[in-house]
């Protein structure tokens, strides 16, 4: 399969059946392959809805998302799911099983061979510092260790696009630094990363592109440091406060 070239988000809106207003309103932007883009905004701004649409979990009320390959073709359906990795804020694994057992199970869902799963599992657990607990039940793990298992599961099939929803929430400083360093290395290998977080200093350090959303609409987008300079903000936190409204 040809590599991902870019993602085009074309005038998407979303209004849930029971809602009196749109969660997203006429949102358009593009993401180039290999970028790390932070989707940031207050609670209720529409971030989760946007990520859910990009992942194909829900359909927009209006507009569309196009995943374009370098050979000029677009990718949809089952083929799209094969190149997407999703790491949710909630723990998405079986707590009574071990990391190895969990990764084996999720790897099999992508039709990976036993040898592929074994090799990738060993590599991921080593890089994430989990080799010594590979065969221990996850319900004994700390929050930081559980976050790392979440990441390993999301990356088992070598996705071209990785969605991260609050990947470091509730973990200690050491684990947070370890996870972000791992994600930076993943980005350097060409993985496109779409990230949401309320840790603005972390986002400023990690993301080369930003998409700020407030009340379902884009209020700013572009390179992180250029946006901070454009609005004469001291840092990303100051920019965030300046441009977004409390929901």
C-alpha atoms as a PDB file:
ATOM      1  CA  UNK A   1       0.000   0.000   0.000  1.00  0.00           C
ATOM      2  CA  UNK A   2       1.242   3.496  -0.841  1.00  0.00           C
ATOM      3  CA  UNK A   3       2.157   5.778   2.051  1.00  0.00           C
ATOM      4  CA  UNK A   4      -0.108   8.456   3.482  1.00  0.00           C
ATOM      5  CA  UNK A   5       0.352  11.891   1.887  1.00  0.00           C
ATOM      6  CA  UNK A   6      -2.126  14.052   3.780  1.00  0.00           C
ATOM      7  CA  UNK A   7      -5.541  14.282   5.419  1.00  0.00           C
ATOM      8  CA  UNK A   8      -8.119  16.803   4.206  1.00  0.00           C
ATOM      9  CA  UNK A   9     -10.947  17.838   6.509  1.00  0.00           C
ATOM     10  CA  UNK A  10     -13.599  19.534   4.375  1.00  0.00           C
ATOM     11  CA  UNK A  11     -16.267  21.738   5.973  1.00  0.00           C
ATOM     12  CA  UNK A  12     -17.397  19.221   8.572  1.00  0.00           C
ATOM     13  CA  UNK A  13     -20.181  19.921  11.042  1.00  0.00           C
ATOM     14  CA  UNK A  14     -21.755  17.671  13.653  1.00  0.00           C
ATOM     15  CA  UNK A  15     -25.064  18.047  15.453  1.00  0.00           C
ATOM     16  CA  UNK A  16     -26.156  15.212  17.703  1.00  0.00           C
ATOM     17  CA  UNK A  17     -29.835  14.287  17.598  1.00  0.00           C
ATOM     18  CA  UNK A  18     -30.559  15.344  21.168  1.00  0.00           C
ATOM     19  CA  UNK A  19     -28.509  18.571  20.981  1.00  0.00           C
ATOM     20  CA  UNK A  20     -29.800  22.089  20.382  1.00  0.00           C
ATOM     21  CA  UNK A  21     -26.507  23.270  18.853  1.00  0.00           C
ATOM     22  CA  UNK A  22     -23.693  21.954  16.672  1.00  0.00           C
ATOM     23  CA  UNK A  23     -20.698  20.345  18.397  1.00  0.00           C
ATOM     24  CA  UNK A  24     -18.640  21.233  15.307  1.00  0.00           C
ATOM     25  CA  UNK A  25     -19.448  23.954  12.795  1.00  0.00           C
ATOM     26  CA  UNK A  26     -17.895  24.194   9.300  1.00  0.00           C
ATOM     27  CA  UNK A  27     -14.444  22.912  10.298  1.00  0.00           C
ATOM     28  CA  UNK A  28     -11.837  22.674   7.528  1.00  0.00           C
ATOM     29  CA  UNK A  29      -8.077  22.102   7.716  1.00  0.00           C
ATOM     30  CA  UNK A  30      -5.400  19.740   6.430  1.00  0.00           C
ATOM     31  CA  UNK A  31      -2.719  17.559   7.998  1.00  0.00           C
ATOM     32  CA  UNK A  32       0.433  16.567   6.140  1.00  0.00           C
ATOM     33  CA  UNK A  33       2.009  13.170   6.676  1.00  0.00           C
ATOM     34  CA  UNK A  34       4.562  13.148   9.487  1.00  0.00           C
ATOM     35  CA  UNK A  35       3.179  16.154  11.332  1.00  0.00           C
ATOM     36  CA  UNK A  36       2.408  16.202  15.041  1.00  0.00           C
ATOM     37  CA  UNK A  37      -0.709  18.317  15.465  1.00  0.00           C
ATOM     38  CA  UNK A  38      -2.260  19.292  18.767  1.00  0.00           C
ATOM     39  CA  UNK A  39      -6.044  19.651  18.796  1.00  0.00           C
ATOM     40  CA  UNK A  40      -6.654  21.878  21.800  1.00  0.00           C
ATOM     41  CA  UNK A  41      -9.614  23.646  23.355  1.00  0.00           C
ATOM     42  CA  UNK A  42     -11.692  23.980  26.528  1.00  0.00           C
ATOM     43  CA  UNK A  43     -13.934  21.165  27.742  1.00  0.00           C
ATOM     44  CA  UNK A  44     -16.910  20.897  25.412  1.00  0.00           C
ATOM     45  CA  UNK A  45     -15.157  22.683  22.545  1.00  0.00           C
ATOM     46  CA  UNK A  46     -15.647  19.751  20.156  1.00  0.00           C
ATOM     47  CA  UNK A  47     -12.268  18.036  20.356  1.00  0.00           C
ATOM     48  CA  UNK A  48     -13.585  14.545  21.089  1.00  0.00           C
ATOM     49  CA  UNK A  49     -16.215  14.848  18.368  1.00  0.00           C
ATOM     50  CA  UNK A  50     -13.559  15.900  15.855  1.00  0.00           C
ATOM     51  CA  UNK A  51     -11.221  13.048  16.777  1.00  0.00           C
ATOM     52  CA  UNK A  52     -14.107  10.559  16.631  1.00  0.00           C
ATOM     53  CA  UNK A  53     -14.959  11.727  13.109  1.00  0.00           C
ATOM     54  CA  UNK A  54     -11.330  11.560  11.978  1.00  0.00           C
ATOM     55  CA  UNK A  55     -11.056   8.012  13.328  1.00  0.00           C
ATOM     56  CA  UNK A  56     -14.258   6.975  11.557  1.00  0.00           C
ATOM     57  CA  UNK A  57     -16.074   6.240  14.816  1.00  0.00           C
ATOM     58  CA  UNK A  58     -18.916   8.631  14.013  1.00  0.00           C
ATOM     59  CA  UNK A  59     -20.166  10.331  10.850  1.00  0.00           C
ATOM     60  CA  UNK A  60     -20.303  14.112  10.422  1.00  0.00           C
ATOM     61  CA  UNK A  61     -23.674  15.734   9.816  1.00  0.00           C
ATOM     62  CA  UNK A  62     -22.085  17.608   6.927  1.00  0.00           C
ATOM     63  CA  UNK A  63     -18.750  17.569   5.119  1.00  0.00           C
ATOM     64  CA  UNK A  64     -16.156  14.830   4.735  1.00  0.00           C
ATOM     65  CA  UNK A  65     -12.660  13.656   5.603  1.00  0.00           C
ATOM     66  CA  UNK A  66     -10.305  12.403   2.885  1.00  0.00           C
ATOM     67  CA  UNK A  67      -7.211  10.323   3.539  1.00  0.00           C
ATOM     68  CA  UNK A  68      -4.981  10.799   0.501  1.00  0.00           C
ATOM     69  CA  UNK A  69      -2.154   8.420  -0.404  1.00  0.00           C
ATOM     70  CA  UNK A  70       1.061   9.397  -2.174  1.00  0.00           C
ATOM     71  CA  UNK A  71      -0.050   7.480  -5.264  1.00  0.00           C
ATOM     72  CA  UNK A  72      -3.032   9.823  -5.554  1.00  0.00           C
ATOM     73  CA  UNK A  73      -5.645   7.361  -4.341  1.00  0.00           C
ATOM     74  CA  UNK A  74      -7.822   7.884  -1.260  1.00  0.00           C
ATOM     75  CA  UNK A  75      -8.282   5.252   1.405  1.00  0.00           C
ATOM     76  CA  UNK A  76     -11.502   4.288   3.199  1.00  0.00           C
ATOM     77  CA  UNK A  77     -13.220   1.530   5.139  1.00  0.00           C
ATOM     78  CA  UNK A  78     -11.264  -1.482   6.332  1.00  0.00           C
ATOM     79  CA  UNK A  79      -8.051  -0.306   4.654  1.00  0.00           C
ATOM     80  CA  UNK A  80      -8.255   2.963   6.583  1.00  0.00           C
ATOM     81  CA  UNK A  81      -8.655   1.171   9.904  1.00  0.00           C
ATOM     82  CA  UNK A  82      -5.459  -0.751   9.179  1.00  0.00           C
ATOM     83  CA  UNK A  83      -3.371   2.431   9.105  1.00  0.00           C
ATOM     84  CA  UNK A  84      -4.969   4.134  12.111  1.00  0.00           C
ATOM     85  CA  UNK A  85      -3.880   3.682  15.714  1.00  0.00           C
ATOM     86  CA  UNK A  86      -6.062   5.067  18.499  1.00  0.00           C
ATOM     87  CA  UNK A  87      -4.967   5.501  22.107  1.00  0.00           C
ATOM     88  CA  UNK A  88      -7.995   6.663  24.125  1.00  0.00           C
ATOM     89  CA  UNK A  89      -7.947   8.448  27.451  1.00  0.00           C
ATOM     90  CA  UNK A  90      -9.684   5.447  29.012  1.00  0.00           C
ATOM     91  CA  UNK A  91      -7.659   2.267  29.503  1.00  0.00           C
ATOM     92  CA  UNK A  92      -8.418   0.067  26.502  1.00  0.00           C
ATOM     93  CA  UNK A  93      -7.204  -3.340  27.579  1.00  0.00           C
ATOM     94  CA  UNK A  94      -8.061  -6.299  29.812  1.00  0.00           C
ATOM     95  CA  UNK A  95      -6.789  -5.542  33.313  1.00  0.00           C
ATOM     96  CA  UNK A  96      -6.734  -9.173  34.419  1.00  0.00           C
ATOM     97  CA  UNK A  97      -4.361 -10.105  31.585  1.00  0.00           C
ATOM     98  CA  UNK A  98      -0.666  -9.374  31.112  1.00  0.00           C
ATOM     99  CA  UNK A  99       0.810  -6.887  28.616  1.00  0.00           C
ATOM    100  CA  UNK A 100       1.911  -9.777  26.394  1.00  0.00           C
ATOM    101  CA  UNK A 101      -1.533 -11.388  26.467  1.00  0.00           C
ATOM    102  CA  UNK A 102      -3.244  -8.076  25.679  1.00  0.00           C
ATOM    103  CA  UNK A 103      -0.914  -7.205  22.818  1.00  0.00           C
ATOM    104  CA  UNK A 104      -1.218 -10.718  21.388  1.00  0.00           C
ATOM    105  CA  UNK A 105      -4.985 -10.373  21.384  1.00  0.00           C
ATOM    106  CA  UNK A 106      -5.118  -6.922  19.782  1.00  0.00           C
ATOM    107  CA  UNK A 107      -2.392  -7.825  17.302  1.00  0.00           C
ATOM    108  CA  UNK A 108      -4.476 -10.780  16.142  1.00  0.00           C
ATOM    109  CA  UNK A 109      -7.367  -8.406  15.366  1.00  0.00           C
ATOM    110  CA  UNK A 110      -5.143  -6.818  12.716  1.00  0.00           C
ATOM    111  CA  UNK A 111      -4.363 -10.250  11.260  1.00  0.00           C
ATOM    112  CA  UNK A 112      -0.697 -10.017  12.204  1.00  0.00           C
ATOM    113  CA  UNK A 113       1.204 -13.292  12.222  1.00  0.00           C
ATOM    114  CA  UNK A 114       2.384 -14.806  15.507  1.00  0.00           C
ATOM    115  CA  UNK A 115       5.979 -14.011  14.585  1.00  0.00           C
ATOM    116  CA  UNK A 116       5.107 -10.393  13.777  1.00  0.00           C
ATOM    117  CA  UNK A 117       3.258  -9.982  17.052  1.00  0.00           C
ATOM    118  CA  UNK A 118       6.062 -11.574  19.059  1.00  0.00           C
ATOM    119  CA  UNK A 119       8.745  -9.402  17.476  1.00  0.00           C
ATOM    120  CA  UNK A 120       6.771  -6.154  17.752  1.00  0.00           C
ATOM    121  CA  UNK A 121       5.657  -6.908  21.325  1.00  0.00           C
ATOM    122  CA  UNK A 122       9.225  -7.473  22.492  1.00  0.00           C
ATOM    123  CA  UNK A 123      10.362  -4.257  20.796  1.00  0.00           C
ATOM    124  CA  UNK A 124       7.576  -2.064  22.165  1.00  0.00           C
ATOM    125  CA  UNK A 125       7.796  -3.383  25.720  1.00  0.00           C
ATOM    126  CA  UNK A 126      11.557  -2.896  25.709  1.00  0.00           C
ATOM    127  CA  UNK A 127      11.365   0.676  24.412  1.00  0.00           C
ATOM    128  CA  UNK A 128       8.620   1.539  26.903  1.00  0.00           C
ATOM    129  CA  UNK A 129      10.471  -0.011  29.831  1.00  0.00           C
ATOM    130  CA  UNK A 130       7.931  -2.770  30.442  1.00  0.00           C
ATOM    131  CA  UNK A 131       9.992  -5.868  29.643  1.00  0.00           C
ATOM    132  CA  UNK A 132      10.394  -6.798  33.322  1.00  0.00           C
ATOM    133  CA  UNK A 133       6.605  -6.827  33.821  1.00  0.00           C
ATOM    134  CA  UNK A 134       5.653  -8.283  30.440  1.00  0.00           C
ATOM    135  CA  UNK A 135       4.031 -11.336  32.037  1.00  0.00           C
ATOM    136  CA  UNK A 136       2.507  -9.703  35.105  1.00  0.00           C
ATOM    137  CA  UNK A 137      -1.184  -8.887  35.379  1.00  0.00           C
ATOM    138  CA  UNK A 138      -1.903  -5.256  34.520  1.00  0.00           C
ATOM    139  CA  UNK A 139      -4.257  -4.740  37.473  1.00  0.00           C
ATOM    140  CA  UNK A 140      -1.130  -4.505  39.665  1.00  0.00           C
ATOM    141  CA  UNK A 141       0.425  -1.710  37.564  1.00  0.00           C
ATOM    142  CA  UNK A 142       0.812   1.998  38.302  1.00  0.00           C
ATOM    143  CA  UNK A 143      -1.020   4.592  36.213  1.00  0.00           C
ATOM    144  CA  UNK A 144       2.099   5.370  34.188  1.00  0.00           C
ATOM    145  CA  UNK A 145       2.686   1.718  33.354  1.00  0.00           C
ATOM    146  CA  UNK A 146      -0.941   1.324  32.261  1.00  0.00           C
ATOM    147  CA  UNK A 147      -0.593   4.352  29.953  1.00  0.00           C
ATOM    148  CA  UNK A 148       2.428   2.687  28.355  1.00  0.00           C
ATOM    149  CA  UNK A 149       0.458  -0.519  27.763  1.00  0.00           C
ATOM    150  CA  UNK A 150      -2.263   1.595  26.122  1.00  0.00           C
ATOM    151  CA  UNK A 151       0.396   3.034  23.787  1.00  0.00           C
ATOM    152  CA  UNK A 152       1.870  -0.358  22.949  1.00  0.00           C
ATOM    153  CA  UNK A 153      -1.546  -1.692  21.955  1.00  0.00           C
ATOM    154  CA  UNK A 154      -2.213   1.345  19.756  1.00  0.00           C
ATOM    155  CA  UNK A 155       1.096   0.859  17.935  1.00  0.00           C
ATOM    156  CA  UNK A 156       1.194  -2.922  17.526  1.00  0.00           C
ATOM    157  CA  UNK A 157       0.218  -2.761  13.833  1.00  0.00           C
ATOM    158  CA  UNK A 158       2.645   0.056  12.884  1.00  0.00           C
ATOM    159  CA  UNK A 159      -0.066   2.619  12.069  1.00  0.00           C
ATOM    160  CA  UNK A 160       0.674   5.525   9.732  1.00  0.00           C
ATOM    161  CA  UNK A 161      -1.621   7.766  11.799  1.00  0.00           C
ATOM    162  CA  UNK A 162      -1.755   7.763  15.602  1.00  0.00           C
ATOM    163  CA  UNK A 163      -4.577   9.445  17.541  1.00  0.00           C
ATOM    164  CA  UNK A 164      -3.771  10.247  21.164  1.00  0.00           C
ATOM    165  CA  UNK A 165      -6.423  11.416  23.627  1.00  0.00           C
ATOM    166  CA  UNK A 166      -4.769  12.718  26.815  1.00  0.00           C
ATOM    167  CA  UNK A 167      -1.937  10.132  26.667  1.00  0.00           C
ATOM    168  CA  UNK A 168      -0.239  11.309  29.887  1.00  0.00           C
ATOM    169  CA  UNK A 169      -3.234  12.150  32.076  1.00  0.00           C
ATOM    170  CA  UNK A 170      -2.850  11.080  35.690  1.00  0.00           C
ATOM    171  CA  UNK A 171       0.766   9.898  35.516  1.00  0.00           C
ATOM    172  CA  UNK A 172       3.885  10.958  37.404  1.00  0.00           C
ATOM    173  CA  UNK A 173       6.479  13.317  35.925  1.00  0.00           C
ATOM    174  CA  UNK A 174       8.982  10.562  35.109  1.00  0.00           C
ATOM    175  CA  UNK A 175       6.399   8.486  33.262  1.00  0.00           C
ATOM    176  CA  UNK A 176       5.138  11.568  31.420  1.00  0.00           C
ATOM    177  CA  UNK A 177       8.635  12.444  30.201  1.00  0.00           C
ATOM    178  CA  UNK A 178       9.227   8.841  29.148  1.00  0.00           C
ATOM    179  CA  UNK A 179       5.974   8.662  27.191  1.00  0.00           C
ATOM    180  CA  UNK A 180       6.539  11.986  25.404  1.00  0.00           C
ATOM    181  CA  UNK A 181      10.099  11.022  24.472  1.00  0.00           C
ATOM    182  CA  UNK A 182       8.815   7.745  23.046  1.00  0.00           C
ATOM    183  CA  UNK A 183       6.172   9.616  21.042  1.00  0.00           C
ATOM    184  CA  UNK A 184       8.769  12.056  19.692  1.00  0.00           C
ATOM    185  CA  UNK A 185      10.810   9.117  18.425  1.00  0.00           C
ATOM    186  CA  UNK A 186       7.664   7.626  16.880  1.00  0.00           C
ATOM    187  CA  UNK A 187       7.040  10.925  15.092  1.00  0.00           C
ATOM    188  CA  UNK A 188      10.609  11.030  13.762  1.00  0.00           C
ATOM    189  CA  UNK A 189       9.968   7.671  12.105  1.00  0.00           C
ATOM    190  CA  UNK A 190       7.247   9.297   9.985  1.00  0.00           C
ATOM    191  CA  UNK A 191       4.085   8.564  11.964  1.00  0.00           C
ATOM    192  CA  UNK A 192       1.445  11.294  11.741  1.00  0.00           C
ATOM    193  CA  UNK A 193       0.276  12.118  15.277  1.00  0.00           C
ATOM    194  CA  UNK A 194      -2.974  13.858  16.198  1.00  0.00           C
ATOM    195  CA  UNK A 195      -2.962  14.674  19.903  1.00  0.00           C
ATOM    196  CA  UNK A 196      -5.333  16.189  22.444  1.00  0.00           C
ATOM    197  CA  UNK A 197      -4.388  17.257  25.949  1.00  0.00           C
ATOM    198  CA  UNK A 198      -5.022  19.822  28.665  1.00  0.00           C
ATOM    199  CA  UNK A 199      -1.303  19.871  29.512  1.00  0.00           C
ATOM    200  CA  UNK A 200      -0.438  22.995  27.526  1.00  0.00           C
ATOM    201  CA  UNK A 201       3.282  23.107  28.352  1.00  0.00           C
ATOM    202  CA  UNK A 202       3.527  19.498  27.184  1.00  0.00           C
ATOM    203  CA  UNK A 203       1.633  20.327  23.993  1.00  0.00           C
ATOM    204  CA  UNK A 204       3.886  23.314  23.286  1.00  0.00           C
ATOM    205  CA  UNK A 205       6.961  21.104  23.564  1.00  0.00           C
ATOM    206  CA  UNK A 206       5.518  18.155  21.661  1.00  0.00           C
ATOM    207  CA  UNK A 207       3.424  19.554  18.786  1.00  0.00           C
ATOM    208  CA  UNK A 208       4.818  21.255  15.692  1.00  0.00           C
ATOM    209  CA  UNK A 209       1.296  22.269  14.591  1.00  0.00           C
ATOM    210  CA  UNK A 210      -1.735  23.464  16.533  1.00  0.00           C
ATOM    211  CA  UNK A 211      -5.477  23.550  15.964  1.00  0.00           C
ATOM    212  CA  UNK A 212      -7.288  25.612  18.590  1.00  0.00           C
ATOM    213  CA  UNK A 213     -11.038  25.025  18.850  1.00  0.00           C
ATOM    214  CA  UNK A 214     -13.622  26.964  20.811  1.00  0.00           C
ATOM    215  CA  UNK A 215     -17.375  26.306  20.737  1.00  0.00           C
ATOM    216  CA  UNK A 216     -17.068  23.986  17.754  1.00  0.00           C
ATOM    217  CA  UNK A 217     -15.118  26.378  15.552  1.00  0.00           C
ATOM    218  CA  UNK A 218     -11.446  26.801  14.686  1.00  0.00           C
ATOM    219  CA  UNK A 219     -10.066  29.982  16.258  1.00  0.00           C
ATOM    220  CA  UNK A 220      -6.420  29.479  15.206  1.00  0.00           C
ATOM    221  CA  UNK A 221      -4.272  26.987  13.329  1.00  0.00           C
ATOM    222  CA  UNK A 222      -0.662  26.782  12.212  1.00  0.00           C
ATOM    223  CA  UNK A 223       2.857  26.177  13.459  1.00  0.00           C
ATOM    224  CA  UNK A 224       3.058  26.297  17.240  1.00  0.00           C
ATOM    225  CA  UNK A 225       5.797  28.887  17.683  1.00  0.00           C
ATOM    226  CA  UNK A 226       4.571  31.067  14.820  1.00  0.00           C
ATOM    227  CA  UNK A 227       1.090  31.237  16.376  1.00  0.00           C
ATOM    228  CA  UNK A 228       2.546  32.214  19.746  1.00  0.00           C
ATOM    229  CA  UNK A 229       4.565  34.971  18.060  1.00  0.00           C
ATOM    230  CA  UNK A 230       1.641  36.112  15.867  1.00  0.00           C
ATOM    231  CA  UNK A 231      -0.551  36.835  18.863  1.00  0.00           C
ATOM    232  CA  UNK A 232       2.303  38.220  21.007  1.00  0.00           C
ATOM    233  CA  UNK A 233       1.686  35.528  23.597  1.00  0.00           C
ATOM    234  CA  UNK A 234       4.266  34.548  26.197  1.00  0.00           C
ATOM    235  CA  UNK A 235       3.604  30.842  25.722  1.00  0.00           C
ATOM    236  CA  UNK A 236       0.900  28.403  24.609  1.00  0.00           C
ATOM    237  CA  UNK A 237      -1.045  28.803  27.841  1.00  0.00           C
ATOM    238  CA  UNK A 238      -1.288  32.560  27.306  1.00  0.00           C
ATOM    239  CA  UNK A 239      -2.325  32.001  23.672  1.00  0.00           C
ATOM    240  CA  UNK A 240      -4.964  29.476  24.756  1.00  0.00           C
ATOM    241  CA  UNK A 241      -6.485  31.875  27.295  1.00  0.00           C
ATOM    242  CA  UNK A 242      -6.424  34.716  24.772  1.00  0.00           C
ATOM    243  CA  UNK A 243      -8.173  32.886  21.945  1.00  0.00           C
ATOM    244  CA  UNK A 244     -10.564  30.400  23.543  1.00  0.00           C
ATOM    245  CA  UNK A 245     -13.650  30.890  25.655  1.00  0.00           C
ATOM    246  CA  UNK A 246     -14.780  28.924  28.689  1.00  0.00           C
ATOM    247  CA  UNK A 247     -17.555  26.541  27.671  1.00  0.00           C
END
